[in-house]
Amino acid sequence: PDAFIGPMAELLRDLEGTEQAKCTGRDNLTT
């Protein structure tokens, strides 16, 4: 289960203003 922390951590860091998320909905449109 370890990798499942990644996207949630991305989101929380983005919301707290420390690092922009990469797996955003806008980015995921290309996938």
PDB file of all heavy atoms in Angstrom:
ATOM      1  N   PRO A   1       0.792  -1.223   0.000  1.00  0.00           N
ATOM      2  CA  PRO A   1       0.000   0.000   0.000  1.00  0.00           C
ATOM      3  C   PRO A   1       0.831   1.284   0.000  1.00  0.00           C
ATOM      4  O   PRO A   1       0.291   2.382  -0.032  1.00  0.00           O
ATOM      5  CB  PRO A   1      -0.756  -0.109   1.326  1.00  0.00           C
ATOM      6  CG  PRO A   1       0.277  -0.702   2.248  1.00  0.00           C
ATOM      7  CD  PRO A   1       1.075  -1.676   1.400  1.00  0.00           C
ATOM      8  N   ASP A   2       2.158   1.159   0.013  1.00  0.00           N
ATOM      9  CA  ASP A   2       3.013   2.309   0.348  1.00  0.00           C
ATOM     10  C   ASP A   2       2.913   3.468  -0.636  1.00  0.00           C
ATOM     11  O   ASP A   2       2.978   4.630  -0.233  1.00  0.00           O
ATOM     12  CB  ASP A   2       4.471   1.847   0.471  1.00  0.00           C
ATOM     13  CG  ASP A   2       4.649   0.756   1.507  1.00  0.00           C
ATOM     14  OD1 ASP A   2       4.409   1.035   2.690  1.00  0.00           O
ATOM     15  OD2 ASP A   2       4.982  -0.377   1.130  1.00  0.00           O
ATOM     16  N   ALA A   3       2.764   3.154  -1.930  1.00  0.00           N
ATOM     17  CA  ALA A   3       2.744   4.225  -2.930  1.00  0.00           C
ATOM     18  C   ALA A   3       1.493   5.083  -2.842  1.00  0.00           C
ATOM     19  O   ALA A   3       1.454   6.189  -3.402  1.00  0.00           O
ATOM     20  CB  ALA A   3       2.873   3.630  -4.330  1.00  0.00           C
ATOM     21  N   PHE A   4       0.482   4.615  -2.125  1.00  0.00           N
ATOM     22  CA  PHE A   4      -0.782   5.353  -2.078  1.00  0.00           C
ATOM     23  C   PHE A   4      -0.674   6.645  -1.269  1.00  0.00           C
ATOM     24  O   PHE A   4      -1.573   7.494  -1.340  1.00  0.00           O
ATOM     25  CB  PHE A   4      -1.890   4.460  -1.509  1.00  0.00           C
ATOM     26  CG  PHE A   4      -2.435   3.478  -2.508  1.00  0.00           C
ATOM     27  CD1 PHE A   4      -1.671   2.384  -2.908  1.00  0.00           C
ATOM     28  CD2 PHE A   4      -3.687   3.658  -3.062  1.00  0.00           C
ATOM     29  CE1 PHE A   4      -2.162   1.479  -3.837  1.00  0.00           C
ATOM     30  CE2 PHE A   4      -4.187   2.758  -3.999  1.00  0.00           C
ATOM     31  CZ  PHE A   4      -3.424   1.656  -4.391  1.00  0.00           C
ATOM     32  N   ILE A   5       0.393   6.819  -0.528  1.00  0.00           N
ATOM     33  CA  ILE A   5       0.580   8.084   0.164  1.00  0.00           C
ATOM     34  C   ILE A   5       0.971   9.190  -0.815  1.00  0.00           C
ATOM     35  O   ILE A   5       0.723  10.380  -0.563  1.00  0.00           O
ATOM     36  CB  ILE A   5       1.650   7.952   1.277  1.00  0.00           C
ATOM     37  CG1 ILE A   5       1.710   9.233   2.110  1.00  0.00           C
ATOM     38  CG2 ILE A   5       3.009   7.625   0.710  1.00  0.00           C
ATOM     39  CD1 ILE A   5       0.404   9.627   2.748  1.00  0.00           C
ATOM     40  N   GLY A   6       1.579   8.825  -1.954  1.00  0.00           N
ATOM     41  CA  GLY A   6       2.133   9.819  -2.869  1.00  0.00           C
ATOM     42  C   GLY A   6       1.158  10.869  -3.355  1.00  0.00           C
ATOM     43  O   GLY A   6       1.367  12.078  -3.138  1.00  0.00           O
ATOM     44  N   PRO A   7       0.068  10.497  -4.035  1.00  0.00           N
ATOM     45  CA  PRO A   7      -0.858  11.513  -4.541  1.00  0.00           C
ATOM     46  C   PRO A   7      -1.526  12.340  -3.441  1.00  0.00           C
ATOM     47  O   PRO A   7      -1.719  13.543  -3.608  1.00  0.00           O
ATOM     48  CB  PRO A   7      -1.886  10.681  -5.329  1.00  0.00           C
ATOM     49  CG  PRO A   7      -1.122   9.467  -5.751  1.00  0.00           C
ATOM     50  CD  PRO A   7      -0.232   9.158  -4.584  1.00  0.00           C
ATOM     51  N   MET A   8      -1.880  11.701  -2.328  1.00  0.00           N
ATOM     52  CA  MET A   8      -2.480  12.472  -1.238  1.00  0.00           C
ATOM     53  C   MET A   8      -1.469  13.459  -0.660  1.00  0.00           C
ATOM     54  O   MET A   8      -1.807  14.621  -0.370  1.00  0.00           O
ATOM     55  CB  MET A   8      -2.994  11.531  -0.134  1.00  0.00           C
ATOM     56  CG  MET A   8      -3.547  12.259   1.083  1.00  0.00           C
ATOM     57  SD  MET A   8      -4.899  13.414   0.729  1.00  0.00           S
ATOM     58  CE  MET A   8      -6.278  12.274   0.579  1.00  0.00           C
ATOM     59  N   ALA A   9      -0.230  13.042  -0.515  1.00  0.00           N
ATOM     60  CA  ALA A   9       0.809  13.954  -0.019  1.00  0.00           C
ATOM     61  C   ALA A   9       1.008  15.112  -0.993  1.00  0.00           C
ATOM     62  O   ALA A   9       1.211  16.258  -0.574  1.00  0.00           O
ATOM     63  CB  ALA A   9       2.117  13.200   0.201  1.00  0.00           C
ATOM     64  N   GLU A  10       0.966  14.807  -2.289  1.00  0.00           N
ATOM     65  CA  GLU A  10       1.037  15.871  -3.313  1.00  0.00           C
ATOM     66  C   GLU A  10      -0.048  16.907  -3.077  1.00  0.00           C
ATOM     67  O   GLU A  10       0.192  18.117  -3.097  1.00  0.00           O
ATOM     68  CB  GLU A  10       0.847  15.280  -4.719  1.00  0.00           C
ATOM     69  CG  GLU A  10       2.102  14.866  -5.425  1.00  0.00           C
ATOM     70  CD  GLU A  10       1.880  14.744  -6.930  1.00  0.00           C
ATOM     71  OE1 GLU A  10       0.921  15.358  -7.445  1.00  0.00           O
ATOM     72  OE2 GLU A  10       2.675  14.059  -7.584  1.00  0.00           O
ATOM     73  N   LEU A  11      -1.268  16.423  -2.905  1.00  0.00           N
ATOM     74  CA  LEU A  11      -2.401  17.329  -2.727  1.00  0.00           C
ATOM     75  C   LEU A  11      -2.247  18.165  -1.471  1.00  0.00           C
ATOM     76  O   LEU A  11      -2.447  19.395  -1.494  1.00  0.00           O
ATOM     77  CB  LEU A  11      -3.694  16.508  -2.672  1.00  0.00           C
ATOM     78  CG  LEU A  11      -4.981  17.271  -2.370  1.00  0.00           C
ATOM     79  CD1 LEU A  11      -5.220  18.366  -3.399  1.00  0.00           C
ATOM     80  CD2 LEU A  11      -6.171  16.316  -2.317  1.00  0.00           C
ATOM     81  N   LEU A  12      -1.864  17.544  -0.363  1.00  0.00           N
ATOM     82  CA  LEU A  12      -1.742  18.278   0.896  1.00  0.00           C
ATOM     83  C   LEU A  12      -0.603  19.292   0.849  1.00  0.00           C
ATOM     84  O   LEU A  12      -0.732  20.407   1.372  1.00  0.00           O
ATOM     85  CB  LEU A  12      -1.544  17.301   2.054  1.00  0.00           C
ATOM     86  CG  LEU A  12      -2.710  16.338   2.318  1.00  0.00           C
ATOM     87  CD1 LEU A  12      -2.386  15.408   3.483  1.00  0.00           C
ATOM     88  CD2 LEU A  12      -4.003  17.097   2.584  1.00  0.00           C
ATOM     89  N   ARG A  13       0.517  18.920   0.224  1.00  0.00           N
ATOM     90  CA  ARG A  13       1.624  19.884   0.099  1.00  0.00           C
ATOM     91  C   ARG A  13       1.203  21.074  -0.761  1.00  0.00           C
ATOM     92  O   ARG A  13       1.573  22.222  -0.480  1.00  0.00           O
ATOM     93  CB  ARG A  13       2.856  19.206  -0.496  1.00  0.00           C
ATOM     94  CG  ARG A  13       3.576  18.261   0.451  1.00  0.00           C
ATOM     95  CD  ARG A  13       4.980  17.931  -0.040  1.00  0.00           C
ATOM     96  NE  ARG A  13       4.955  17.307  -1.352  1.00  0.00           N
ATOM     97  CZ  ARG A  13       4.935  15.999  -1.566  1.00  0.00           C
ATOM     98  NH1 ARG A  13       4.908  15.171  -0.538  1.00  0.00           N
ATOM     99  NH2 ARG A  13       4.930  15.513  -2.794  1.00  0.00           N
ATOM    100  N   ASP A  14       0.449  20.794  -1.816  1.00  0.00           N
ATOM    101  CA  ASP A  14      -0.030  21.872  -2.677  1.00  0.00           C
ATOM    102  C   ASP A  14      -0.941  22.814  -1.893  1.00  0.00           C
ATOM    103  O   ASP A  14      -0.805  24.045  -1.969  1.00  0.00           O
ATOM    104  CB  ASP A  14      -0.778  21.270  -3.871  1.00  0.00           C
ATOM    105  CG  ASP A  14      -1.022  22.291  -4.976  1.00  0.00           C
ATOM    106  OD1 ASP A  14      -1.609  23.347  -4.684  1.00  0.00           O
ATOM    107  OD2 ASP A  14      -0.641  22.026  -6.136  1.00  0.00           O
ATOM    108  N   LEU A  15      -1.844  22.244  -1.120  1.00  0.00           N
ATOM    109  CA  LEU A  15      -2.792  23.068  -0.366  1.00  0.00           C
ATOM    110  C   LEU A  15      -2.108  23.888   0.710  1.00  0.00           C
ATOM    111  O   LEU A  15      -2.554  25.003   1.025  1.00  0.00           O
ATOM    112  CB  LEU A  15      -3.874  22.178   0.250  1.00  0.00           C
ATOM    113  CG  LEU A  15      -4.834  21.516  -0.745  1.00  0.00           C
ATOM    114  CD1 LEU A  15      -5.755  20.534  -0.031  1.00  0.00           C
ATOM    115  CD2 LEU A  15      -5.644  22.559  -1.503  1.00  0.00           C
ATOM    116  N   GLU A  16      -1.030  23.367   1.288  1.00  0.00           N
ATOM    117  CA  GLU A  16      -0.319  24.133   2.308  1.00  0.00           C
ATOM    118  C   GLU A  16       0.703  25.084   1.693  1.00  0.00           C
ATOM    119  O   GLU A  16       1.332  25.870   2.397  1.00  0.00           O
ATOM    120  CB  GLU A  16       0.368  23.204   3.304  1.00  0.00           C
ATOM    121  CG  GLU A  16       1.544  22.433   2.767  1.00  0.00           C
ATOM    122  CD  GLU A  16       2.127  21.457   3.787  1.00  0.00           C
ATOM    123  OE1 GLU A  16       1.487  21.249   4.844  1.00  0.00           O
ATOM    124  OE2 GLU A  16       3.203  20.900   3.512  1.00  0.00           O
ATOM    125  N   GLY A  17       0.872  25.016   0.372  1.00  0.00           N
ATOM    126  CA  GLY A  17       1.721  25.966  -0.332  1.00  0.00           C
ATOM    127  C   GLY A  17       3.192  25.645  -0.340  1.00  0.00           C
ATOM    128  O   GLY A  17       4.014  26.519  -0.649  1.00  0.00           O
ATOM    129  N   THR A  18       3.564  24.393  -0.046  1.00  0.00           N
ATOM    130  CA  THR A  18       4.982  24.043   0.003  1.00  0.00           C
ATOM    131  C   THR A  18       5.510  23.456  -1.311  1.00  0.00           C
ATOM    132  O   THR A  18       6.698  23.549  -1.585  1.00  0.00           O
ATOM    133  CB  THR A  18       5.255  23.040   1.140  1.00  0.00           C
ATOM    134  OG1 THR A  18       4.405  21.897   0.978  1.00  0.00           O
ATOM    135  CG2 THR A  18       4.970  23.672   2.487  1.00  0.00           C
ATOM    136  N   GLU A  19       4.634  22.826  -2.107  1.00  0.00           N
ATOM    137  CA  GLU A  19       5.069  22.242  -3.369  1.00  0.00           C
ATOM    138  C   GLU A  19       3.856  22.009  -4.264  1.00  0.00           C
ATOM    139  O   GLU A  19       2.841  21.468  -3.809  1.00  0.00           O
ATOM    140  CB  GLU A  19       5.798  20.908  -3.135  1.00  0.00           C
ATOM    141  CG  GLU A  19       6.397  20.300  -4.392  1.00  0.00           C
ATOM    142  CD  GLU A  19       7.137  19.005  -4.102  1.00  0.00           C
ATOM    143  OE1 GLU A  19       7.344  18.695  -2.912  1.00  0.00           O
ATOM    144  OE2 GLU A  19       7.508  18.309  -5.057  1.00  0.00           O
ATOM    145  N   GLN A  20       3.952  22.387  -5.519  1.00  0.00           N
ATOM    146  CA  GLN A  20       2.833  22.207  -6.432  1.00  0.00           C
ATOM    147  C   GLN A  20       2.636  20.732  -6.768  1.00  0.00           C
ATOM    148  O   GLN A  20       3.604  19.997  -6.991  1.00  0.00           O
ATOM    149  CB  GLN A  20       3.047  22.998  -7.718  1.00  0.00           C
ATOM    150  CG  GLN A  20       2.870  24.500  -7.566  1.00  0.00           C
ATOM    151  CD  GLN A  20       2.874  25.222  -8.902  1.00  0.00           C
ATOM    152  OE1 GLN A  20       3.390  24.717  -9.896  1.00  0.00           O
ATOM    153  NE2 GLN A  20       2.304  26.405  -8.936  1.00  0.00           N
ATOM    154  N   ALA A  21       1.383  20.305  -6.820  1.00  0.00           N
ATOM    155  CA  ALA A  21       1.061  18.935  -7.202  1.00  0.00           C
ATOM    156  C   ALA A  21       1.350  18.718  -8.681  1.00  0.00           C
ATOM    157  O   ALA A  21       1.236  19.639  -9.491  1.00  0.00           O
ATOM    158  CB  ALA A  21      -0.402  18.648  -6.907  1.00  0.00           C
ATOM    159  N   LYS A  22       1.742  17.494  -9.018  1.00  0.00           N
ATOM    160  CA  LYS A  22       2.029  17.148 -10.408  1.00  0.00           C
ATOM    161  C   LYS A  22       0.904  16.328 -11.029  1.00  0.00           C
ATOM    162  O   LYS A  22       0.621  16.452 -12.208  1.00  0.00           O
ATOM    163  CB  LYS A  22       3.348  16.381 -10.488  1.00  0.00           C
ATOM    164  CG  LYS A  22       4.555  17.180 -10.008  1.00  0.00           C
ATOM    165  CD  LYS A  22       5.834  16.360 -10.108  1.00  0.00           C
ATOM    166  CE  LYS A  22       7.048  17.174  -9.665  1.00  0.00           C
ATOM    167  NZ  LYS A  22       6.981  17.547  -8.232  1.00  0.00           N
ATOM    168  N   CYS A  23       0.276  15.447 -10.244  1.00  0.00           N
ATOM    169  CA  CYS A  23      -0.807  14.587 -10.761  1.00  0.00           C
ATOM    170  C   CYS A  23      -2.145  15.319 -10.709  1.00  0.00           C
ATOM    171  O   CYS A  23      -3.150  14.769 -10.238  1.00  0.00           O
ATOM    172  CB  CYS A  23      -0.893  13.299  -9.963  1.00  0.00           C
ATOM    173  SG  CYS A  23       0.511  12.207 -10.115  1.00  0.00           S
ATOM    174  N   THR A  24      -2.179  16.555 -11.177  1.00  0.00           N
ATOM    175  CA  THR A  24      -3.415  17.330 -11.118  1.00  0.00           C
ATOM    176  C   THR A  24      -4.425  16.791 -12.120  1.00  0.00           C
ATOM    177  O   THR A  24      -4.086  16.069 -13.065  1.00  0.00           O
ATOM    178  CB  THR A  24      -3.139  18.800 -11.425  1.00  0.00           C
ATOM    179  OG1 THR A  24      -2.644  18.915 -12.771  1.00  0.00           O
ATOM    180  CG2 THR A  24      -2.112  19.381 -10.449  1.00  0.00           C
ATOM    181  N   GLY A  25      -5.675  17.175 -11.914  1.00  0.00           N
ATOM    182  CA  GLY A  25      -6.691  16.792 -12.876  1.00  0.00           C
ATOM    183  C   GLY A  25      -6.365  17.290 -14.260  1.00  0.00           C
ATOM    184  O   GLY A  25      -6.534  16.570 -15.261  1.00  0.00           O
ATOM    185  N   ARG A  26      -5.865  18.513 -14.354  1.00  0.00           N
ATOM    186  CA  ARG A  26      -5.520  19.092 -15.670  1.00  0.00           C
ATOM    187  C   ARG A  26      -4.409  18.291 -16.330  1.00  0.00           C
ATOM    188  O   ARG A  26      -4.484  17.982 -17.523  1.00  0.00           O
ATOM    189  CB  ARG A  26      -5.110  20.552 -15.474  1.00  0.00           C
ATOM    190  CG  ARG A  26      -4.708  21.294 -16.742  1.00  0.00           C
ATOM    191  CD  ARG A  26      -5.854  21.479 -17.694  1.00  0.00           C
ATOM    192  NE  ARG A  26      -6.939  22.288 -17.158  1.00  0.00           N
ATOM    193  CZ  ARG A  26      -8.101  22.460 -17.784  1.00  0.00           C
ATOM    194  NH1 ARG A  26      -8.327  21.869 -18.959  1.00  0.00           N
ATOM    195  NH2 ARG A  26      -9.061  23.192 -17.243  1.00  0.00           N
ATOM    196  N   ASP A  27      -3.386  17.941 -15.587  1.00  0.00           N
ATOM    197  CA  ASP A  27      -2.296  17.139 -16.145  1.00  0.00           C
ATOM    198  C   ASP A  27      -2.789  15.749 -16.541  1.00  0.00           C
ATOM    199  O   ASP A  27      -2.402  15.209 -17.575  1.00  0.00           O
ATOM    200  CB  ASP A  27      -1.162  17.007 -15.134  1.00  0.00           C
ATOM    201  CG  ASP A  27      -0.072  16.053 -15.602  1.00  0.00           C
ATOM    202  OD1 ASP A  27       0.777  16.471 -16.407  1.00  0.00           O
ATOM    203  OD2 ASP A  27      -0.088  14.879 -15.181  1.00  0.00           O
ATOM    204  N   ASN A  28      -3.656  15.162 -15.732  1.00  0.00           N
ATOM    205  CA  ASN A  28      -4.101  13.797 -15.970  1.00  0.00           C
ATOM    206  C   ASN A  28      -4.940  13.667 -17.231  1.00  0.00           C
ATOM    207  O   ASN A  28      -5.112  12.553 -17.756  1.00  0.00           O
ATOM    208  CB  ASN A  28      -4.882  13.289 -14.758  1.00  0.00           C
ATOM    209  CG  ASN A  28      -5.140  11.803 -14.820  1.00  0.00           C
ATOM    210  OD1 ASN A  28      -6.282  11.375 -14.967  1.00  0.00           O
ATOM    211  ND2 ASN A  28      -4.089  11.005 -14.732  1.00  0.00           N
ATOM    212  N   LEU A  29      -5.454  14.781 -17.751  1.00  0.00           N
ATOM    213  CA  LEU A  29      -6.211  14.712 -18.999  1.00  0.00           C
ATOM    214  C   LEU A  29      -5.376  14.121 -20.132  1.00  0.00           C
ATOM    215  O   LEU A  29      -5.901  13.424 -21.007  1.00  0.00           O
ATOM    216  CB  LEU A  29      -6.722  16.099 -19.387  1.00  0.00           C
ATOM    217  CG  LEU A  29      -7.807  16.695 -18.477  1.00  0.00           C
ATOM    218  CD1 LEU A  29      -8.170  18.100 -18.941  1.00  0.00           C
ATOM    219  CD2 LEU A  29      -9.040  15.806 -18.433  1.00  0.00           C
ATOM    220  N   THR A  30      -4.068  14.371 -20.105  1.00  0.00           N
ATOM    221  CA  THR A  30      -3.219  13.820 -21.161  1.00  0.00           C
ATOM    222  C   THR A  30      -3.085  12.310 -21.027  1.00  0.00           C
ATOM    223  O   THR A  30      -3.060  11.587 -22.027  1.00  0.00           O
ATOM    224  CB  THR A  30      -1.831  14.492 -21.140  1.00  0.00           C
ATOM    225  OG1 THR A  30      -1.990  15.911 -21.212  1.00  0.00           O
ATOM    226  CG2 THR A  30      -0.991  14.031 -22.328  1.00  0.00           C
ATOM    227  N   THR A  31      -3.002  11.805 -19.801  1.00  0.00           N
ATOM    228  CA  THR A  31      -2.997  10.349 -19.616  1.00  0.00           C
ATOM    229  C   THR A  31      -4.291   9.743 -20.146  1.00  0.00           C
ATOM    230  O   THR A  31      -4.278   8.715 -20.835  1.00  0.00           O
ATOM    231  CB  THR A  31      -2.815  10.001 -18.134  1.00  0.00           C
ATOM    232  OG1 THR A  31      -1.506  10.422 -17.713  1.00  0.00           O
ATOM    233  CG2 THR A  31      -2.944   8.510 -17.891  1.00  0.00           C
TER     234      THR A  31
END
